Amino acid sequence: MEIRNYTKLQKSDNPHGIQSKKMYDTDHAIIMHLLLKAGEGLKPHITPVDVAFYVLEGSPTILVGEEKIEVKKDDIIESPKDIVHSIYNETDSDVRVLVMKLPKPTKKTKIL
């Protein structure tokens, strides 16, 4: 059994300039923990695999395709592969989200 706590993991580099930590990484899937401070967000991008966002804390705004909606803690949001998506923190409080890419991508993400 392996147990990981995001507070003890190293930050992962990313093109979005936000705090990102790799919680789980196998040949089959990847799960990242994102912390978005007030006003931070991901650049709109497209991934070659399905993505699910699970909101741990806060009320981020999620963009999937043409839909942009504020969601809340304990919501899970699906984003199909090959469609633009992003996460924004338009609040004054921290937002924490798990991002799950399933299956693990073998191609690079396209930043728009």
C-alpha atoms as a PDB file:
ATOM      1  CA  MET A   1       0.000   0.000   0.000  1.00  0.00           C
ATOM      2  CA  GLU A   2       1.203   3.492  -0.817  1.00  0.00           C
ATOM      3  CA  ILE A   3      -0.152   6.550   0.947  1.00  0.00           C
ATOM      4  CA  ARG A   4       0.545  10.074  -0.281  1.00  0.00           C
ATOM      5  CA  ASN A   5      -0.444  13.385   1.275  1.00  0.00           C
ATOM      6  CA  TYR A   6      -0.438  16.345  -1.120  1.00  0.00           C
ATOM      7  CA  THR A   7       1.100  18.626   1.534  1.00  0.00           C
ATOM      8  CA  LYS A   8       4.267  16.512   1.483  1.00  0.00           C
ATOM      9  CA  LEU A   9       4.667  16.152  -2.290  1.00  0.00           C
ATOM     10  CA  GLN A  10       6.976  18.187  -4.530  1.00  0.00           C
ATOM     11  CA  LYS A  11       5.429  20.754  -6.840  1.00  0.00           C
ATOM     12  CA  SER A  12       5.223  19.754 -10.503  1.00  0.00           C
ATOM     13  CA  ASP A  13       6.161  22.177 -13.253  1.00  0.00           C
ATOM     14  CA  ASN A  14       3.281  23.206 -15.501  1.00  0.00           C
ATOM     15  CA  PRO A  15       2.670  25.833 -18.193  1.00  0.00           C
ATOM     16  CA  HIS A  16      -0.148  27.414 -16.160  1.00  0.00           C
ATOM     17  CA  GLY A  17       1.998  28.824 -13.339  1.00  0.00           C
ATOM     18  CA  ILE A  18      -0.137  27.329 -10.560  1.00  0.00           C
ATOM     19  CA  GLN A  19       0.691  24.915  -7.755  1.00  0.00           C
ATOM     20  CA  SER A  20       0.332  21.386  -9.079  1.00  0.00           C
ATOM     21  CA  LYS A  21       1.338  18.156  -7.343  1.00  0.00           C
ATOM     22  CA  LYS A  22       1.328  14.659  -8.822  1.00  0.00           C
ATOM     23  CA  MET A  23      -0.705  12.427  -6.490  1.00  0.00           C
ATOM     24  CA  TYR A  24      -0.844   9.304  -8.670  1.00  0.00           C
ATOM     25  CA  ASP A  25       1.064   8.358 -11.806  1.00  0.00           C
ATOM     26  CA  THR A  26       0.947   4.925 -13.432  1.00  0.00           C
ATOM     27  CA  ASP A  27       0.924   3.607 -16.972  1.00  0.00           C
ATOM     28  CA  HIS A  28      -2.895   3.757 -16.842  1.00  0.00           C
ATOM     29  CA  ALA A  29      -3.827   7.080 -15.233  1.00  0.00           C
ATOM     30  CA  ILE A  30      -2.569  10.286 -13.697  1.00  0.00           C
ATOM     31  CA  ILE A  31      -4.116  12.316 -10.844  1.00  0.00           C
ATOM     32  CA  MET A  32      -2.919  15.828 -10.073  1.00  0.00           C
ATOM     33  CA  HIS A  33      -3.759  18.027  -7.091  1.00  0.00           C
ATOM     34  CA  LEU A  34      -4.187  21.674  -8.102  1.00  0.00           C
ATOM     35  CA  LEU A  35      -4.250  24.668  -5.773  1.00  0.00           C
ATOM     36  CA  LEU A  36      -5.570  27.844  -7.340  1.00  0.00           C
ATOM     37  CA  LYS A  37      -5.239  31.034  -5.333  1.00  0.00           C
ATOM     38  CA  ALA A  38      -7.670  33.935  -5.864  1.00  0.00           C
ATOM     39  CA  GLY A  39      -7.534  35.083  -9.489  1.00  0.00           C
ATOM     40  CA  GLU A  40      -5.493  32.115 -10.743  1.00  0.00           C
ATOM     41  CA  GLY A  41      -6.560  29.799 -13.529  1.00  0.00           C
ATOM     42  CA  LEU A  42      -5.426  27.334 -16.117  1.00  0.00           C
ATOM     43  CA  LYS A  43      -4.848  28.428 -19.679  1.00  0.00           C
ATOM     44  CA  PRO A  44      -7.516  26.943 -21.942  1.00  0.00           C
ATOM     45  CA  HIS A  45      -6.147  23.685 -23.305  1.00  0.00           C
ATOM     46  CA  ILE A  46      -7.059  20.414 -24.997  1.00  0.00           C
ATOM     47  CA  THR A  47      -6.016  16.983 -23.765  1.00  0.00           C
ATOM     48  CA  PRO A  48      -5.970  13.798 -25.862  1.00  0.00           C
ATOM     49  CA  VAL A  49      -7.780  11.846 -23.109  1.00  0.00           C
ATOM     50  CA  ASP A  50     -10.892  12.235 -20.956  1.00  0.00           C
ATOM     51  CA  VAL A  51     -10.456  14.416 -17.861  1.00  0.00           C
ATOM     52  CA  ALA A  52     -12.462  14.489 -14.637  1.00  0.00           C
ATOM     53  CA  PHE A  53     -12.231  17.332 -12.115  1.00  0.00           C
ATOM     54  CA  TYR A  54     -13.170  16.671  -8.483  1.00  0.00           C
ATOM     55  CA  VAL A  55     -13.569  19.815  -6.363  1.00  0.00           C
ATOM     56  CA  LEU A  56     -12.045  19.379  -2.900  1.00  0.00           C
ATOM     57  CA  GLU A  57     -12.379  22.975  -1.712  1.00  0.00           C
ATOM     58  CA  GLY A  58     -13.830  26.232  -2.965  1.00  0.00           C
ATOM     59  CA  SER A  59     -16.045  27.178  -5.895  1.00  0.00           C
ATOM     60  CA  PRO A  60     -14.057  27.234  -9.130  1.00  0.00           C
ATOM     61  CA  THR A  61     -15.431  28.124 -12.530  1.00  0.00           C
ATOM     62  CA  ILE A  62     -14.964  25.288 -15.016  1.00  0.00           C
ATOM     63  CA  LEU A  63     -14.900  25.687 -18.778  1.00  0.00           C
ATOM     64  CA  VAL A  64     -15.703  22.628 -20.895  1.00  0.00           C
ATOM     65  CA  GLY A  65     -16.229  23.355 -24.574  1.00  0.00           C
ATOM     66  CA  GLU A  66     -18.632  26.313 -24.743  1.00  0.00           C
ATOM     67  CA  GLU A  67     -19.988  25.855 -21.188  1.00  0.00           C
ATOM     68  CA  LYS A  68     -18.489  27.885 -18.327  1.00  0.00           C
ATOM     69  CA  ILE A  69     -20.100  27.190 -14.945  1.00  0.00           C
ATOM     70  CA  GLU A  70     -19.237  27.848 -11.291  1.00  0.00           C
ATOM     71  CA  VAL A  71     -19.175  24.556  -9.400  1.00  0.00           C
ATOM     72  CA  LYS A  72     -18.769  23.706  -5.727  1.00  0.00           C
ATOM     73  CA  LYS A  73     -17.059  21.385  -3.285  1.00  0.00           C
ATOM     74  CA  ASP A  74     -17.689  17.672  -3.910  1.00  0.00           C
ATOM     75  CA  ASP A  75     -18.778  18.214  -7.534  1.00  0.00           C
ATOM     76  CA  ILE A  76     -17.174  16.070 -10.220  1.00  0.00           C
ATOM     77  CA  ILE A  77     -17.042  17.485 -13.723  1.00  0.00           C
ATOM     78  CA  GLU A  78     -16.346  15.472 -16.867  1.00  0.00           C
ATOM     79  CA  SER A  79     -14.472  16.834 -19.870  1.00  0.00           C
ATOM     80  CA  PRO A  80     -14.295  14.594 -22.940  1.00  0.00           C
ATOM     81  CA  LYS A  81     -11.010  14.206 -24.782  1.00  0.00           C
ATOM     82  CA  ASP A  82     -10.108  16.608 -27.587  1.00  0.00           C
ATOM     83  CA  ILE A  83     -12.283  19.462 -26.254  1.00  0.00           C
ATOM     84  CA  VAL A  84     -11.092  22.766 -24.770  1.00  0.00           C
ATOM     85  CA  HIS A  85     -11.314  23.019 -20.990  1.00  0.00           C
ATOM     86  CA  SER A  86      -9.990  25.113 -18.123  1.00  0.00           C
ATOM     87  CA  ILE A  87     -10.423  25.937 -14.432  1.00  0.00           C
ATOM     88  CA  TYR A  88     -10.561  29.446 -12.964  1.00  0.00           C
ATOM     89  CA  ASN A  89     -10.655  30.727  -9.413  1.00  0.00           C
ATOM     90  CA  GLU A  90     -12.780  33.865  -9.614  1.00  0.00           C
ATOM     91  CA  THR A  91     -13.311  33.943  -5.823  1.00  0.00           C
ATOM     92  CA  ASP A  92     -11.324  35.314  -2.875  1.00  0.00           C
ATOM     93  CA  SER A  93     -10.791  31.839  -1.356  1.00  0.00           C
ATOM     94  CA  ASP A  94      -8.433  29.009  -2.295  1.00  0.00           C
ATOM     95  CA  VAL A  95      -9.631  26.320  -4.671  1.00  0.00           C
ATOM     96  CA  ARG A  96      -8.328  22.752  -4.535  1.00  0.00           C
ATOM     97  CA  VAL A  97      -9.139  20.303  -7.320  1.00  0.00           C
ATOM     98  CA  LEU A  98      -8.107  16.777  -8.252  1.00  0.00           C
ATOM     99  CA  VAL A  99      -7.590  16.408 -11.984  1.00  0.00           C
ATOM    100  CA  MET A 100      -7.787  12.838 -13.257  1.00  0.00           C
ATOM    101  CA  LYS A 101      -6.632  11.963 -16.763  1.00  0.00           C
ATOM    102  CA  LEU A 102      -7.908   8.588 -17.842  1.00  0.00           C
ATOM    103  CA  PRO A 103      -6.208   6.846 -19.495  1.00  0.00           C
ATOM    104  CA  LYS A 104      -2.828   8.440 -18.955  1.00  0.00           C
ATOM    105  CA  PRO A 105      -2.041  10.577 -22.015  1.00  0.00           C
ATOM    106  CA  THR A 106       0.592   9.399 -24.464  1.00  0.00           C
ATOM    107  CA  LYS A 107       0.396  12.650 -26.472  1.00  0.00           C
ATOM    108  CA  LYS A 108       1.078  16.175 -25.251  1.00  0.00           C
ATOM    109  CA  THR A 109      -1.603  18.588 -24.068  1.00  0.00           C
ATOM    110  CA  LYS A 110      -2.275  21.450 -26.495  1.00  0.00           C
ATOM    111  CA  ILE A 111      -2.207  24.849 -24.759  1.00  0.00           C
ATOM    112  CA  LEU A 112      -4.348  27.431 -26.585  1.00  0.00           C
END
